């Protein structure tokens, strides 16, 4: 008998209600096969766009119930979740606009030219959907990176059915959102099977191994993501695995910047590292601050602001236990101090804090390497560096990250000093570089990139913004194909009015 799936209150640790049952291998197989059979229904771009907009409308209409369910399971609060729901429905509508425009199909037509060397045949290229996509929900975003989130929206926009593996921290929210998406599909004339949902750890493993799954999107831990990534690669037919695994998100504060505005930087850092109880994937986890009086001023302001931060509830007790163990192990390392001690705030809460140490401790291999790993929750590490060479040595030891942030002076921003060199240095570490701001908050925009070198992500793609759709497509070229047999997207008369490039020239 399959194990029941319970909704749990993170504020008390108590089970709330039985939501579903963990999917068996047979149930995963049936769900994937139903999605595979439904894939042809998504071929019409007009229908796809209408489906995405209807899904957004239904989520908005059910907003009160969705937010109530998500708050009961995550303790993220109605304010945060209201914003997340708005982001989620915006994403769905933005992808509908992308589908309508059609530029994502990347249509190229090169007419035959026998005068070239070698002679060129008639070639017509565009992108087609991969097939059924597996989506693994995130713990810290029960809406925007879960059942109705960016992976789902972009895959459906590409024309790919999805099967979502629900996160155990918000199963009731997942069921509610999946039902709304299925209703939107039915109201748009599509089979409900274009959106499937399964629960359970074993179901997640079965999903990535299923022969009809063609790609996967994941947001979660390094350990869990790497296991699924390896499973995807070990299949008889390996598939793309777009995983977001973990990120330290380093910050470099220059000497000139800290002399210019120490208090402002300290206050901004406090807000960024404690936002959402430190449960954002782009939380700044390592901050390089110069030694000396100006740097001391930044630490003083950070101490005051973090000390005033109220304790909060993490997403579940497993994460709370990991946070407490993680900060204790880090605090016990030689030369590590805690101006504000992170730890237990109450029976079910945690308190924010930060650790400091000389940056020289991080410049070479040793036990302090633990501080170069992400610690999920409201804690950051402030490493005090003596000179630029010491800061560079630390940066040279960092793994890949989603973001890297520079706090520069006004002069450095104007091209004085080594600002440009530092910008180039951190660009090698991250997918998004922030200057004089903070990485928390990932705008949904065509120019956005939410990804980075491993272990931040397992691919070079983004999971946020319009280009996220590219993960679920593959190009195909037709050579000397009779006009009557060509897909409508590649026909000479352009019946669908698509943006395209013909003989190297982009059509208006």
Foldseek 3Di string as FASTA:
>chain_A
DFAWAFQAALVVRHTDDTAGGFDDLVRLQVLQVLLQVQLVVLPDLLLLLQLLLQLLVLCVVCVVVLLVLVCRLFVLDSVVLVVLSVVLSVLSNVLSVVSLQFCQQAWEWEDWDVVDVNTDFTKIKTKAFQEEEEEEAELLRQGQRAQSHLVCSLNSSRSYQYEYEHDSSRSNSNVVSLVSSLVSQVVSVGHSSSYHYGYDPVSVLSNLQDPRHAEYEEEEALVVLVVSQVSQCPHPDHHYYKYQHAFQAEEEEDPQLLVVPLLVVLLQLLCQLCVSQNQDRNRNAEYEFADDDSSVSNVVNNLVNLVPDAWGAGSHVVLLVQLQVLQVLLCPDPQKDWSPRWHDPDPGTIGATEIEGALQVQLDDDPNCSSLGDRRGRYHYYHHYHDPVSVLSNLVPHAAHAEYEYEDDPCVVVVPDCVVVVVVSCVQRHDYYYYNHGDPDFDQEQPGAGAIGPPSIPDRGGSGYDRVSVSRIDMDMDGPDPQVPDDCCRHPVNPSPHFHAYNNRTDD
